[in-house]
Amino acid sequence: MTELEQTIIESAQKELVAVLAFYKEKASGIAAQDFDEAWQSYLGHFHGMNALVAIAHQAHSGLSPEARTVLLKIEEEHGTAYRALAN
């Protein structure tokens, strides 16, 4: 993988970690006075993650097959965690 691909993947993974931390915190119960701040932080990380993962869905993005696969796995991991939270 190129250095750029590695950077994109590392950034997407960091955003995923922050998103999953919010899901875990939400499941445990976020105090009402802390929710707005947690929600705003979550939205930033969620949209950052999605912007990076979206590259894997673009035709002729320049991503190697390996990098595309890793980004799609990040997307899949998020989907699994989100569905678990909804249940």
C-alpha atoms as a PDB file:
ATOM      1  CA  MET A   1       0.000   0.000   0.000  1.00  0.00           C
ATOM      2  CA  THR A   2       1.097   3.528  -0.629  1.00  0.00           C
ATOM      3  CA  GLU A   3       1.803   5.935   2.198  1.00  0.00           C
ATOM      4  CA  LEU A   4      -1.361   7.856   1.292  1.00  0.00           C
ATOM      5  CA  GLU A   5      -3.476   4.697   1.470  1.00  0.00           C
ATOM      6  CA  GLN A   6      -1.966   3.866   4.850  1.00  0.00           C
ATOM      7  CA  THR A   7      -2.747   7.365   6.095  1.00  0.00           C
ATOM      8  CA  ILE A   8      -6.352   7.161   4.887  1.00  0.00           C
ATOM      9  CA  ILE A   9      -6.802   3.773   6.565  1.00  0.00           C
ATOM     10  CA  GLU A  10      -5.187   4.871   9.832  1.00  0.00           C
ATOM     11  CA  SER A  11      -7.396   7.960   9.923  1.00  0.00           C
ATOM     12  CA  ALA A  12     -10.532   5.911   9.234  1.00  0.00           C
ATOM     13  CA  GLN A  13      -9.558   3.457  11.982  1.00  0.00           C
ATOM     14  CA  LYS A  14      -9.052   6.294  14.481  1.00  0.00           C
ATOM     15  CA  GLU A  15     -12.454   7.727  13.599  1.00  0.00           C
ATOM     16  CA  LEU A  16     -14.018   4.268  13.984  1.00  0.00           C
ATOM     17  CA  VAL A  17     -12.490   3.884  17.453  1.00  0.00           C
ATOM     18  CA  ALA A  18     -14.030   7.211  18.513  1.00  0.00           C
ATOM     19  CA  VAL A  19     -17.422   6.267  17.045  1.00  0.00           C
ATOM     20  CA  LEU A  20     -17.393   2.882  18.790  1.00  0.00           C
ATOM     21  CA  ALA A  21     -16.449   4.580  22.069  1.00  0.00           C
ATOM     22  CA  PHE A  22     -19.545   6.772  21.746  1.00  0.00           C
ATOM     23  CA  TYR A  23     -21.733   3.722  21.104  1.00  0.00           C
ATOM     24  CA  LYS A  24     -20.319   2.034  24.185  1.00  0.00           C
ATOM     25  CA  GLU A  25     -20.814   5.173  26.275  1.00  0.00           C
ATOM     26  CA  LYS A  26     -24.364   5.569  24.965  1.00  0.00           C
ATOM     27  CA  ALA A  27     -25.195   1.967  25.829  1.00  0.00           C
ATOM     28  CA  SER A  28     -23.881   2.540  29.355  1.00  0.00           C
ATOM     29  CA  GLY A  29     -25.846   5.748  29.704  1.00  0.00           C
ATOM     30  CA  ILE A  30     -24.624   9.272  29.063  1.00  0.00           C
ATOM     31  CA  ALA A  31     -25.572  11.874  31.643  1.00  0.00           C
ATOM     32  CA  ALA A  32     -28.051  14.382  30.223  1.00  0.00           C
ATOM     33  CA  GLN A  33     -25.691  17.300  30.845  1.00  0.00           C
ATOM     34  CA  ASP A  34     -22.909  15.555  28.880  1.00  0.00           C
ATOM     35  CA  PHE A  35     -24.967  14.318  25.949  1.00  0.00           C
ATOM     36  CA  ASP A  36     -24.763  17.386  23.672  1.00  0.00           C
ATOM     37  CA  GLU A  37     -20.975  17.483  23.810  1.00  0.00           C
ATOM     38  CA  ALA A  38     -20.696  13.721  23.290  1.00  0.00           C
ATOM     39  CA  TRP A  39     -23.160  13.889  20.386  1.00  0.00           C
ATOM     40  CA  GLN A  40     -21.287  16.724  18.647  1.00  0.00           C
ATOM     41  CA  SER A  41     -18.013  14.850  19.005  1.00  0.00           C
ATOM     42  CA  TYR A  42     -19.623  11.659  17.694  1.00  0.00           C
ATOM     43  CA  LEU A  43     -21.019  13.434  14.637  1.00  0.00           C
ATOM     44  CA  GLY A  44     -17.592  14.776  13.721  1.00  0.00           C
ATOM     45  CA  HIS A  45     -15.969  11.366  14.015  1.00  0.00           C
ATOM     46  CA  PHE A  46     -18.850   9.574  12.272  1.00  0.00           C
ATOM     47  CA  HIS A  47     -18.799  11.883   9.263  1.00  0.00           C
ATOM     48  CA  GLY A  48     -15.001  11.821   9.129  1.00  0.00           C
ATOM     49  CA  MET A  49     -15.043   8.028   9.068  1.00  0.00           C
ATOM     50  CA  ASN A  50     -17.726   7.944   6.370  1.00  0.00           C
ATOM     51  CA  ALA A  51     -15.867  10.438   4.174  1.00  0.00           C
ATOM     52  CA  LEU A  52     -12.757   8.274   4.277  1.00  0.00           C
ATOM     53  CA  VAL A  53     -14.617   5.003   3.743  1.00  0.00           C
ATOM     54  CA  ALA A  54     -16.556   6.506   0.825  1.00  0.00           C
ATOM     55  CA  ILE A  55     -13.347   6.524  -1.209  1.00  0.00           C
ATOM     56  CA  ALA A  56     -13.572   2.715  -1.330  1.00  0.00           C
ATOM     57  CA  HIS A  57     -16.905   3.016  -3.161  1.00  0.00           C
ATOM     58  CA  GLN A  58     -15.664   5.410  -5.841  1.00  0.00           C
ATOM     59  CA  ALA A  59     -14.789   4.025  -9.249  1.00  0.00           C
ATOM     60  CA  HIS A  60     -11.222   4.811 -10.328  1.00  0.00           C
ATOM     61  CA  SER A  61     -10.346   6.123  -6.856  1.00  0.00           C
ATOM     62  CA  GLY A  62      -6.728   5.095  -7.183  1.00  0.00           C
ATOM     63  CA  LEU A  63      -6.954   2.774  -4.192  1.00  0.00           C
ATOM     64  CA  SER A  64      -5.234  -0.564  -4.401  1.00  0.00           C
ATOM     65  CA  PRO A  65      -7.474  -3.606  -3.969  1.00  0.00           C
ATOM     66  CA  GLU A  66      -5.862  -4.203  -0.570  1.00  0.00           C
ATOM     67  CA  ALA A  67      -6.608  -0.678   0.671  1.00  0.00           C
ATOM     68  CA  ARG A  68     -10.168  -0.881  -0.641  1.00  0.00           C
ATOM     69  CA  THR A  69     -10.698  -4.156   1.232  1.00  0.00           C
ATOM     70  CA  VAL A  70      -9.424  -2.678   4.502  1.00  0.00           C
ATOM     71  CA  LEU A  71     -11.706   0.362   4.203  1.00  0.00           C
ATOM     72  CA  LEU A  72     -14.698  -1.843   3.468  1.00  0.00           C
ATOM     73  CA  LYS A  73     -13.876  -3.910   6.564  1.00  0.00           C
ATOM     74  CA  ILE A  74     -13.898  -0.719   8.637  1.00  0.00           C
ATOM     75  CA  GLU A  75     -17.328   0.073   7.203  1.00  0.00           C
ATOM     76  CA  GLU A  76     -18.512  -3.451   7.997  1.00  0.00           C
ATOM     77  CA  GLU A  77     -17.199  -3.250  11.561  1.00  0.00           C
ATOM     78  CA  HIS A  78     -19.099  -0.013  12.075  1.00  0.00           C
ATOM     79  CA  GLY A  79     -22.296  -1.508  10.662  1.00  0.00           C
ATOM     80  CA  THR A  80     -22.047  -4.496  12.980  1.00  0.00           C
ATOM     81  CA  ALA A  81     -21.545  -2.264  16.024  1.00  0.00           C
ATOM     82  CA  TYR A  82     -24.381   0.053  15.009  1.00  0.00           C
ATOM     83  CA  ARG A  83     -26.824  -2.819  14.534  1.00  0.00           C
ATOM     84  CA  ALA A  84     -25.840  -4.263  17.915  1.00  0.00           C
ATOM     85  CA  LEU A  85     -26.547  -0.903  19.549  1.00  0.00           C
ATOM     86  CA  ALA A  86     -29.965  -0.713  17.896  1.00  0.00           C
ATOM     87  CA  ASN A  87     -31.018  -4.089  19.314  1.00  0.00           C
END
